All heavy atoms as atom14 arrays in JSON, in Angstrom:
{
  "sequence": "EFAADVRYHGQGFEIPIPVDREAFDGEGAGLSAIASAFDTEHD",
  "atom14_mask": [
    [1, 1, 1, 1, 1, 1, 1, 1, 1, 0, 0, 0, 0, 0],
    [1, 1, 1, 1, 1, 1, 1, 1, 1, 1, 1, 0, 0, 0],
    [1, 1, 1, 1, 1, 0, 0, 0, 0, 0, 0, 0, 0, 0],
    [1, 1, 1, 1, 1, 0, 0, 0, 0, 0, 0, 0, 0, 0],
    [1, 1, 1, 1, 1, 1, 1, 1, 0, 0, 0, 0, 0, 0],
    [1, 1, 1, 1, 1, 1, 1, 0, 0, 0, 0, 0, 0, 0],
    [1, 1, 1, 1, 1, 1, 1, 1, 1, 1, 1, 0, 0, 0],
    [1, 1, 1, 1, 1, 1, 1, 1, 1, 1, 1, 1, 0, 0],
    [1, 1, 1, 1, 1, 1, 1, 1, 1, 1, 0, 0, 0, 0],
    [1, 1, 1, 1, 0, 0, 0, 0, 0, 0, 0, 0, 0, 0],
    [1, 1, 1, 1, 1, 1, 1, 1, 1, 0, 0, 0, 0, 0],
    [1, 1, 1, 1, 0, 0, 0, 0, 0, 0, 0, 0, 0, 0],
    [1, 1, 1, 1, 1, 1, 1, 1, 1, 1, 1, 0, 0, 0],
    [1, 1, 1, 1, 1, 1, 1, 1, 1, 0, 0, 0, 0, 0],
    [1, 1, 1, 1, 1, 1, 1, 1, 0, 0, 0, 0, 0, 0],
    [1, 1, 1, 1, 1, 1, 1, 0, 0, 0, 0, 0, 0, 0],
    [1, 1, 1, 1, 1, 1, 1, 1, 0, 0, 0, 0, 0, 0],
    [1, 1, 1, 1, 1, 1, 1, 0, 0, 0, 0, 0, 0, 0],
    [1, 1, 1, 1, 1, 1, 1, 0, 0, 0, 0, 0, 0, 0],
    [1, 1, 1, 1, 1, 1, 1, 1, 0, 0, 0, 0, 0, 0],
    [1, 1, 1, 1, 1, 1, 1, 1, 1, 1, 1, 0, 0, 0],
    [1, 1, 1, 1, 1, 1, 1, 1, 1, 0, 0, 0, 0, 0],
    [1, 1, 1, 1, 1, 0, 0, 0, 0, 0, 0, 0, 0, 0],
    [1, 1, 1, 1, 1, 1, 1, 1, 1, 1, 1, 0, 0, 0],
    [1, 1, 1, 1, 1, 1, 1, 1, 0, 0, 0, 0, 0, 0],
    [1, 1, 1, 1, 0, 0, 0, 0, 0, 0, 0, 0, 0, 0],
    [1, 1, 1, 1, 1, 1, 1, 1, 1, 0, 0, 0, 0, 0],
    [1, 1, 1, 1, 0, 0, 0, 0, 0, 0, 0, 0, 0, 0],
    [1, 1, 1, 1, 1, 0, 0, 0, 0, 0, 0, 0, 0, 0],
    [1, 1, 1, 1, 0, 0, 0, 0, 0, 0, 0, 0, 0, 0],
    [1, 1, 1, 1, 1, 1, 1, 1, 0, 0, 0, 0, 0, 0],
    [1, 1, 1, 1, 1, 1, 0, 0, 0, 0, 0, 0, 0, 0],
    [1, 1, 1, 1, 1, 0, 0, 0, 0, 0, 0, 0, 0, 0],
    [1, 1, 1, 1, 1, 1, 1, 1, 0, 0, 0, 0, 0, 0],
    [1, 1, 1, 1, 1, 0, 0, 0, 0, 0, 0, 0, 0, 0],
    [1, 1, 1, 1, 1, 1, 0, 0, 0, 0, 0, 0, 0, 0],
    [1, 1, 1, 1, 1, 0, 0, 0, 0, 0, 0, 0, 0, 0],
    [1, 1, 1, 1, 1, 1, 1, 1, 1, 1, 1, 0, 0, 0],
    [1, 1, 1, 1, 1, 1, 1, 1, 0, 0, 0, 0, 0, 0],
    [1, 1, 1, 1, 1, 1, 1, 0, 0, 0, 0, 0, 0, 0],
    [1, 1, 1, 1, 1, 1, 1, 1, 1, 0, 0, 0, 0, 0],
    [1, 1, 1, 1, 1, 1, 1, 1, 1, 1, 0, 0, 0, 0],
    [1, 1, 1, 1, 1, 1, 1, 1, 0, 0, 0, 0, 0, 0]
  ],
  "atom14_positions": [
    [[0.85, -1.19, 0.0], [0.0, 0.0, 0.0], [0.88, 1.24, 0.0], [1.97, 1.25, 0.59], [-0.92, 0.0, 1.23], [-1.89, -1.18, 1.24], [-2.68, -1.26, 2.53], [-2.09, -0.98, 3.59], [-3.88, -1.58, 2.47], [0.0, 0.0, 0.0], [0.0, 0.0, 0.0], [0.0, 0.0, 0.0], [0.0, 0.0, 0.0], [0.0, 0.0, 0.0]],
    [[0.39, 2.28, -0.67], [1.19, 3.49, -0.84], [0.46, 4.69, -0.22], [-0.77, 4.74, -0.18], [1.45, 3.75, -2.32], [2.17, 2.62, -3.0], [1.47, 1.59, -3.62], [3.56, 2.59, -3.01], [2.13, 0.55, -4.25], [4.23, 1.55, -3.64], [3.53, 0.53, -4.25], [0.0, 0.0, 0.0], [0.0, 0.0, 0.0], [0.0, 0.0, 0.0]],
    [[1.26, 5.64, 0.25], [0.68, 6.85, 0.85], [1.65, 8.01, 0.65], [2.86, 7.82, 0.45], [0.39, 6.65, 2.33], [0.0, 0.0, 0.0], [0.0, 0.0, 0.0], [0.0, 0.0, 0.0], [0.0, 0.0, 0.0], [0.0, 0.0, 0.0], [0.0, 0.0, 0.0], [0.0, 0.0, 0.0], [0.0, 0.0, 0.0], [0.0, 0.0, 0.0]],
    [[1.12, 9.21, 0.73], [1.93, 10.42, 0.65], [1.49, 11.38, 1.74], [0.3, 11.54, 2.0], [1.77, 11.07, -0.72], [0.0, 0.0, 0.0], [0.0, 0.0, 0.0], [0.0, 0.0, 0.0], [0.0, 0.0, 0.0], [0.0, 0.0, 0.0], [0.0, 0.0, 0.0], [0.0, 0.0, 0.0], [0.0, 0.0, 0.0], [0.0, 0.0, 0.0]],
    [[2.46, 11.99, 2.41], [2.16, 13.06, 3.37], [2.14, 14.37, 2.59], [3.15, 14.77, 1.98], [3.23, 13.11, 4.46], [3.19, 11.88, 5.36], [2.26, 11.08, 5.22], [4.11, 11.73, 6.19], [0.0, 0.0, 0.0], [0.0, 0.0, 0.0], [0.0, 0.0, 0.0], [0.0, 0.0, 0.0], [0.0, 0.0, 0.0], [0.0, 0.0, 0.0]],
    [[1.0, 15.04, 2.61], [0.78, 16.21, 1.76], [0.36, 17.4, 2.61], [-0.27, 17.24, 3.66], [-0.32, 15.91, 0.7], [-0.43, 17.04, -0.31], [-0.03, 14.59, -0.02], [0.0, 0.0, 0.0], [0.0, 0.0, 0.0], [0.0, 0.0, 0.0], [0.0, 0.0, 0.0], [0.0, 0.0, 0.0], [0.0, 0.0, 0.0], [0.0, 0.0, 0.0]],
    [[0.71, 18.6, 2.14], [0.3, 19.84, 2.8], [0.14, 20.93, 1.76], [0.56, 20.77, 0.6], [1.35, 20.26, 3.83], [2.68, 20.65, 3.21], [3.75, 20.93, 4.25], [5.03, 21.28, 3.66], [6.16, 21.41, 4.35], [6.16, 21.2, 5.65], [7.29, 21.73, 3.74], [0.0, 0.0, 0.0], [0.0, 0.0, 0.0], [0.0, 0.0, 0.0]],
    [[-0.48, 22.02, 2.15], [-0.41, 23.23, 1.34], [0.97, 23.84, 1.54], [1.52, 23.82, 2.65], [-1.47, 24.23, 1.75], [-2.88, 23.84, 1.36], [-3.88, 23.72, 2.33], [-3.23, 23.61, 0.04], [-5.18, 23.38, 1.99], [-4.52, 23.26, -0.32], [-5.5, 23.15, 0.66], [-6.77, 22.8, 0.32], [0.0, 0.0, 0.0], [0.0, 0.0, 0.0]],
    [[1.56, 24.37, 0.48], [2.88, 24.98, 0.58], [2.85, 26.06, 1.66], [2.01, 26.96, 1.65], [3.29, 25.6, -0.76], [4.62, 26.27, -0.72], [5.79, 25.6, -0.44], [4.98, 27.58, -0.91], [6.8, 26.43, -0.46], [6.33, 27.65, -0.74], [0.0, 0.0, 0.0], [0.0, 0.0, 0.0], [0.0, 0.0, 0.0], [0.0, 0.0, 0.0]],
    [[3.77, 25.94, 2.63], [3.84, 26.89, 3.73], [3.21, 26.39, 5.02], [3.44, 26.99, 6.08], [0.0, 0.0, 0.0], [0.0, 0.0, 0.0], [0.0, 0.0, 0.0], [0.0, 0.0, 0.0], [0.0, 0.0, 0.0], [0.0, 0.0, 0.0], [0.0, 0.0, 0.0], [0.0, 0.0, 0.0], [0.0, 0.0, 0.0], [0.0, 0.0, 0.0]],
    [[2.41, 25.33, 4.95], [1.83, 24.78, 6.17], [2.91, 24.1, 7.01], [3.91, 23.61, 6.47], [0.73, 23.75, 5.85], [-0.65, 24.36, 5.65], [-1.72, 23.3, 5.47], [-1.48, 22.26, 4.89], [-2.92, 23.57, 5.95], [0.0, 0.0, 0.0], [0.0, 0.0, 0.0], [0.0, 0.0, 0.0], [0.0, 0.0, 0.0], [0.0, 0.0, 0.0]],
    [[2.67, 24.03, 8.31], [3.64, 23.42, 9.21], [3.32, 21.99, 9.57], [3.96, 21.41, 10.44], [0.0, 0.0, 0.0], [0.0, 0.0, 0.0], [0.0, 0.0, 0.0], [0.0, 0.0, 0.0], [0.0, 0.0, 0.0], [0.0, 0.0, 0.0], [0.0, 0.0, 0.0], [0.0, 0.0, 0.0], [0.0, 0.0, 0.0], [0.0, 0.0, 0.0]],
    [[2.33, 21.39, 8.93], [1.97, 20.0, 9.22], [1.5, 19.35, 7.93], [1.17, 20.03, 6.95], [0.87, 19.93, 10.28], [-0.41, 20.6, 9.86], [-1.4, 19.89, 9.19], [-0.62, 21.95, 10.11], [-2.57, 20.51, 8.79], [-1.8, 22.58, 9.7], [-2.77, 21.86, 9.04], [0.0, 0.0, 0.0], [0.0, 0.0, 0.0], [0.0, 0.0, 0.0]],
    [[1.48, 18.03, 7.92], [1.04, 17.28, 6.75], [-0.13, 16.38, 7.11], [-0.36, 16.07, 8.28], [2.17, 16.4, 6.2], [3.39, 17.16, 5.78], [4.32, 17.45, 6.94], [4.61, 16.51, 7.72], [4.73, 18.61, 7.09], [0.0, 0.0, 0.0], [0.0, 0.0, 0.0], [0.0, 0.0, 0.0], [0.0, 0.0, 0.0], [0.0, 0.0, 0.0]],
    [[-0.84, 15.95, 6.08], [-1.93, 14.98, 6.23], [-1.57, 13.75, 5.41], [-1.29, 13.87, 4.21], [-3.27, 15.56, 5.75], [-3.65, 16.79, 6.58], [-4.37, 14.51, 5.84], [-4.91, 17.49, 6.09], [0.0, 0.0, 0.0], [0.0, 0.0, 0.0], [0.0, 0.0, 0.0], [0.0, 0.0, 0.0], [0.0, 0.0, 0.0], [0.0, 0.0, 0.0]],
    [[-1.54, 12.57, 6.01], [-1.26, 11.36, 5.23], [-2.43, 11.01, 4.32], [-3.57, 10.96, 4.76], [-1.03, 10.29, 6.31], [-1.73, 10.8, 7.53], [-1.69, 12.29, 7.45], [0.0, 0.0, 0.0], [0.0, 0.0, 0.0], [0.0, 0.0, 0.0], [0.0, 0.0, 0.0], [0.0, 0.0, 0.0], [0.0, 0.0, 0.0], [0.0, 0.0, 0.0]],
    [[-2.14, 10.77, 3.05], [-3.16, 10.49, 2.05], [-2.86, 9.14, 1.38], [-1.79, 8.98, 0.76], [-3.2, 11.58, 0.96], [-3.47, 12.96, 1.58], [-4.25, 11.25, -0.09], [-4.8, 13.08, 2.27], [0.0, 0.0, 0.0], [0.0, 0.0, 0.0], [0.0, 0.0, 0.0], [0.0, 0.0, 0.0], [0.0, 0.0, 0.0], [0.0, 0.0, 0.0]],
    [[-3.75, 8.15, 1.48], [-3.54, 6.9, 0.73], [-3.63, 7.18, -0.77], [-4.46, 7.98, -1.21], [-4.7, 6.0, 1.2], [-5.23, 6.65, 2.44], [-4.97, 8.11, 2.31], [0.0, 0.0, 0.0], [0.0, 0.0, 0.0], [0.0, 0.0, 0.0], [0.0, 0.0, 0.0], [0.0, 0.0, 0.0], [0.0, 0.0, 0.0], [0.0, 0.0, 0.0]],
    [[-2.76, 6.53, -1.54], [-2.77, 6.75, -2.99], [-2.76, 5.42, -3.72], [-2.31, 4.4, -3.19], [-1.57, 7.61, -3.44], [-1.6, 8.98, -2.8], [-0.26, 6.92, -3.12], [0.0, 0.0, 0.0], [0.0, 0.0, 0.0], [0.0, 0.0, 0.0], [0.0, 0.0, 0.0], [0.0, 0.0, 0.0], [0.0, 0.0, 0.0], [0.0, 0.0, 0.0]],
    [[-3.25, 5.44, -4.95], [-3.27, 4.27, -5.82], [-2.06, 4.33, -6.74], [-1.92, 5.25, -7.55], [-4.57, 4.27, -6.64], [-4.68, 3.07, -7.57], [-3.77, 2.21, -7.55], [-5.68, 2.99, -8.31], [0.0, 0.0, 0.0], [0.0, 0.0, 0.0], [0.0, 0.0, 0.0], [0.0, 0.0, 0.0], [0.0, 0.0, 0.0], [0.0, 0.0, 0.0]],
    [[-1.16, 3.36, -6.57], [0.08, 3.36, -7.39], [-0.23, 3.35, -8.88], [0.47, 4.0, -9.68], [0.93, 2.16, -6.98], [2.04, 1.76, -7.94], [3.09, 2.84, -8.11], [4.06, 2.46, -9.1], [3.9, 2.61, -10.42], [2.8, 3.16, -10.9], [4.85, 2.25, -11.26], [0.0, 0.0, 0.0], [0.0, 0.0, 0.0], [0.0, 0.0, 0.0]],
    [[-1.25, 2.64, -9.31], [-1.55, 2.52, -10.74], [-1.94, 3.85, -11.36], [-1.8, 4.05, -12.58], [-2.66, 1.49, -10.96], [-2.25, 0.07, -10.59], [-3.35, -0.92, -10.88], [-4.44, -0.49, -11.35], [-3.14, -2.12, -10.63], [0.0, 0.0, 0.0], [0.0, 0.0, 0.0], [0.0, 0.0, 0.0], [0.0, 0.0, 0.0], [0.0, 0.0, 0.0]],
    [[-2.44, 4.78, -10.53], [-2.83, 6.09, -11.07], [-1.64, 6.86, -11.62], [-1.81, 7.77, -12.44], [-3.53, 6.91, -9.99], [0.0, 0.0, 0.0], [0.0, 0.0, 0.0], [0.0, 0.0, 0.0], [0.0, 0.0, 0.0], [0.0, 0.0, 0.0], [0.0, 0.0, 0.0], [0.0, 0.0, 0.0], [0.0, 0.0, 0.0], [0.0, 0.0, 0.0]],
    [[-0.42, 6.49, -11.22], [0.77, 7.23, -11.66], [1.36, 6.69, -12.96], [2.38, 7.17, -13.42], [1.83, 7.21, -10.55], [1.43, 7.99, -9.34], [0.68, 7.39, -8.33], [1.75, 9.33, -9.21], [0.29, 8.1, -7.22], [1.36, 10.05, -8.1], [0.62, 9.44, -7.1], [0.0, 0.0, 0.0], [0.0, 0.0, 0.0], [0.0, 0.0, 0.0]],
    [[0.71, 5.67, -13.52], [1.18, 5.16, -14.81], [0.75, 6.04, -15.97], [1.31, 5.97, -17.06], [0.66, 3.73, -15.02], [1.32, 2.74, -14.07], [2.45, 3.03, -13.63], [0.72, 1.7, -13.76], [0.0, 0.0, 0.0], [0.0, 0.0, 0.0], [0.0, 0.0, 0.0], [0.0, 0.0, 0.0], [0.0, 0.0, 0.0], [0.0, 0.0, 0.0]],
    [[-0.27, 6.9, -15.74], [-0.7, 7.86, -16.76], [-0.33, 9.27, -16.3], [-0.67, 9.69, -15.2], [0.0, 0.0, 0.0], [0.0, 0.0, 0.0], [0.0, 0.0, 0.0], [0.0, 0.0, 0.0], [0.0, 0.0, 0.0], [0.0, 0.0, 0.0], [0.0, 0.0, 0.0], [0.0, 0.0, 0.0], [0.0, 0.0, 0.0], [0.0, 0.0, 0.0]],
    [[0.42, 10.0, -17.13], [0.94, 11.3, -16.71], [-0.17, 12.26, -16.3], [-1.1, 12.51, -17.07], [1.77, 11.92, -17.86], [2.62, 13.11, -17.41], [3.65, 12.71, -16.36], [4.26, 11.63, -16.5], [3.83, 13.49, -15.41], [0.0, 0.0, 0.0], [0.0, 0.0, 0.0], [0.0, 0.0, 0.0], [0.0, 0.0, 0.0], [0.0, 0.0, 0.0]],
    [[-0.07, 12.76, -15.05], [-1.01, 13.76, -14.55], [-2.11, 13.21, -13.69], [-2.63, 13.91, -12.83], [0.0, 0.0, 0.0], [0.0, 0.0, 0.0], [0.0, 0.0, 0.0], [0.0, 0.0, 0.0], [0.0, 0.0, 0.0], [0.0, 0.0, 0.0], [0.0, 0.0, 0.0], [0.0, 0.0, 0.0], [0.0, 0.0, 0.0], [0.0, 0.0, 0.0]],
    [[-2.49, 11.94, -13.93], [-3.63, 11.39, -13.18], [-3.29, 11.19, -11.71], [-4.11, 11.44, -10.83], [-4.06, 10.06, -13.81], [0.0, 0.0, 0.0], [0.0, 0.0, 0.0], [0.0, 0.0, 0.0], [0.0, 0.0, 0.0], [0.0, 0.0, 0.0], [0.0, 0.0, 0.0], [0.0, 0.0, 0.0], [0.0, 0.0, 0.0], [0.0, 0.0, 0.0]],
    [[-2.07, 10.74, -11.42], [-1.69, 10.49, -10.03], [-1.61, 11.76, -9.21], [-2.1, 11.84, -8.09], [0.0, 0.0, 0.0], [0.0, 0.0, 0.0], [0.0, 0.0, 0.0], [0.0, 0.0, 0.0], [0.0, 0.0, 0.0], [0.0, 0.0, 0.0], [0.0, 0.0, 0.0], [0.0, 0.0, 0.0], [0.0, 0.0, 0.0], [0.0, 0.0, 0.0]],
    [[-0.98, 12.81, -9.77], [-0.86, 14.08, -9.06], [-2.23, 14.69, -8.82], [-2.5, 15.25, -7.75], [0.02, 15.04, -9.85], [1.48, 14.61, -10.06], [2.22, 15.65, -10.87], [2.18, 14.38, -8.72], [0.0, 0.0, 0.0], [0.0, 0.0, 0.0], [0.0, 0.0, 0.0], [0.0, 0.0, 0.0], [0.0, 0.0, 0.0], [0.0, 0.0, 0.0]],
    [[-3.1, 14.59, -9.81], [-4.45, 15.11, -9.65], [-5.2, 14.37, -8.56], [-5.93, 14.98, -7.76], [-5.2, 14.99, -10.98], [-6.55, 15.41, -10.84], [0.0, 0.0, 0.0], [0.0, 0.0, 0.0], [0.0, 0.0, 0.0], [0.0, 0.0, 0.0], [0.0, 0.0, 0.0], [0.0, 0.0, 0.0], [0.0, 0.0, 0.0], [0.0, 0.0, 0.0]],
    [[-5.01, 13.05, -8.48], [-5.67, 12.25, -7.44], [-5.17, 12.63, -6.06], [-5.95, 12.7, -5.1], [-5.44, 10.77, -7.71], [0.0, 0.0, 0.0], [0.0, 0.0, 0.0], [0.0, 0.0, 0.0], [0.0, 0.0, 0.0], [0.0, 0.0, 0.0], [0.0, 0.0, 0.0], [0.0, 0.0, 0.0], [0.0, 0.0, 0.0], [0.0, 0.0, 0.0]],
    [[-3.87, 12.9, -5.91], [-3.31, 13.33, -4.63], [-3.94, 14.65, -4.19], [-4.36, 14.81, -3.03], [-1.77, 13.46, -4.73], [-1.1, 12.09, -4.73], [-1.23, 14.29, -3.56], [0.41, 12.15, -4.83], [0.0, 0.0, 0.0], [0.0, 0.0, 0.0], [0.0, 0.0, 0.0], [0.0, 0.0, 0.0], [0.0, 0.0, 0.0], [0.0, 0.0, 0.0]],
    [[-4.0, 15.62, -5.12], [-4.56, 16.93, -4.77], [-6.02, 16.81, -4.36], [-6.46, 17.42, -3.38], [-4.41, 17.88, -5.96], [0.0, 0.0, 0.0], [0.0, 0.0, 0.0], [0.0, 0.0, 0.0], [0.0, 0.0, 0.0], [0.0, 0.0, 0.0], [0.0, 0.0, 0.0], [0.0, 0.0, 0.0], [0.0, 0.0, 0.0], [0.0, 0.0, 0.0]],
    [[-6.79, 16.02, -5.1], [-8.21, 15.87, -4.8], [-8.43, 15.19, -3.45], [-9.26, 15.64, -2.65], [-8.88, 15.06, -5.92], [-10.25, 14.83, -5.63], [0.0, 0.0, 0.0], [0.0, 0.0, 0.0], [0.0, 0.0, 0.0], [0.0, 0.0, 0.0], [0.0, 0.0, 0.0], [0.0, 0.0, 0.0], [0.0, 0.0, 0.0], [0.0, 0.0, 0.0]],
    [[-7.68, 14.11, -3.19], [-7.83, 13.39, -1.92], [-7.43, 14.27, -0.74], [-8.07, 14.26, 0.32], [-7.01, 12.11, -1.94], [0.0, 0.0, 0.0], [0.0, 0.0, 0.0], [0.0, 0.0, 0.0], [0.0, 0.0, 0.0], [0.0, 0.0, 0.0], [0.0, 0.0, 0.0], [0.0, 0.0, 0.0], [0.0, 0.0, 0.0], [0.0, 0.0, 0.0]],
    [[-6.36, 15.07, -0.92], [-5.92, 15.96, 0.15], [-6.98, 17.02, 0.43], [-7.29, 17.31, 1.61], [-4.61, 16.63, -0.22], [-4.18, 17.69, 0.75], [-3.55, 17.36, 1.94], [-4.42, 19.04, 0.49], [-3.17, 18.34, 2.85], [-4.04, 20.02, 1.39], [-3.41, 19.67, 2.58], [0.0, 0.0, 0.0], [0.0, 0.0, 0.0], [0.0, 0.0, 0.0]],
    [[-7.55, 17.61, -0.6], [-8.57, 18.64, -0.4], [-9.79, 18.07, 0.34], [-10.35, 18.72, 1.24], [-9.02, 19.22, -1.74], [-7.99, 20.15, -2.35], [-7.08, 20.57, -1.62], [-8.1, 20.45, -3.55], [0.0, 0.0, 0.0], [0.0, 0.0, 0.0], [0.0, 0.0, 0.0], [0.0, 0.0, 0.0], [0.0, 0.0, 0.0], [0.0, 0.0, 0.0]],
    [[-10.18, 16.87, -0.02], [-11.33, 16.24, 0.65], [-11.04, 16.03, 2.13], [-11.89, 16.34, 2.99], [-11.66, 14.89, -0.02], [-12.0, 15.11, -1.39], [-12.81, 14.2, 0.69], [0.0, 0.0, 0.0], [0.0, 0.0, 0.0], [0.0, 0.0, 0.0], [0.0, 0.0, 0.0], [0.0, 0.0, 0.0], [0.0, 0.0, 0.0], [0.0, 0.0, 0.0]],
    [[-9.86, 15.53, 2.44], [-9.51, 15.26, 3.84], [-9.32, 16.56, 4.61], [-9.73, 16.68, 5.77], [-8.24, 14.41, 3.9], [-7.84, 13.95, 5.29], [-8.77, 12.92, 5.88], [-9.76, 12.54, 5.21], [-8.53, 12.48, 7.03], [0.0, 0.0, 0.0], [0.0, 0.0, 0.0], [0.0, 0.0, 0.0], [0.0, 0.0, 0.0], [0.0, 0.0, 0.0]],
    [[-8.71, 17.55, 4.0], [-8.49, 18.84, 4.67], [-9.82, 19.51, 4.98], [-10.02, 20.07, 6.07], [-7.64, 19.74, 3.77], [-7.04, 20.93, 4.47], [-7.78, 22.06, 4.75], [-5.8, 21.16, 4.98], [-7.01, 22.94, 5.37], [-5.79, 22.41, 5.53], [0.0, 0.0, 0.0], [0.0, 0.0, 0.0], [0.0, 0.0, 0.0], [0.0, 0.0, 0.0]],
    [[-10.75, 19.45, 4.05], [-12.07, 20.05, 4.27], [-12.82, 19.32, 5.38], [-13.51, 19.95, 6.19], [-12.88, 20.01, 2.97], [-14.2, 20.76, 3.09], [-14.19, 21.94, 3.49], [-15.25, 20.15, 2.79], [0.0, 0.0, 0.0], [0.0, 0.0, 0.0], [0.0, 0.0, 0.0], [0.0, 0.0, 0.0], [0.0, 0.0, 0.0], [0.0, 0.0, 0.0]]
  ]
}
């Protein structure tokens, strides 16, 4: 299983976000999924 600790640039803490490794086989899809999952969790 894969995960990324993500934050808004300048924040002093991160939120761990589970990610799907296969999403990174297509350029742009993985990064977009990270941003979307982080926004959902942050909200």
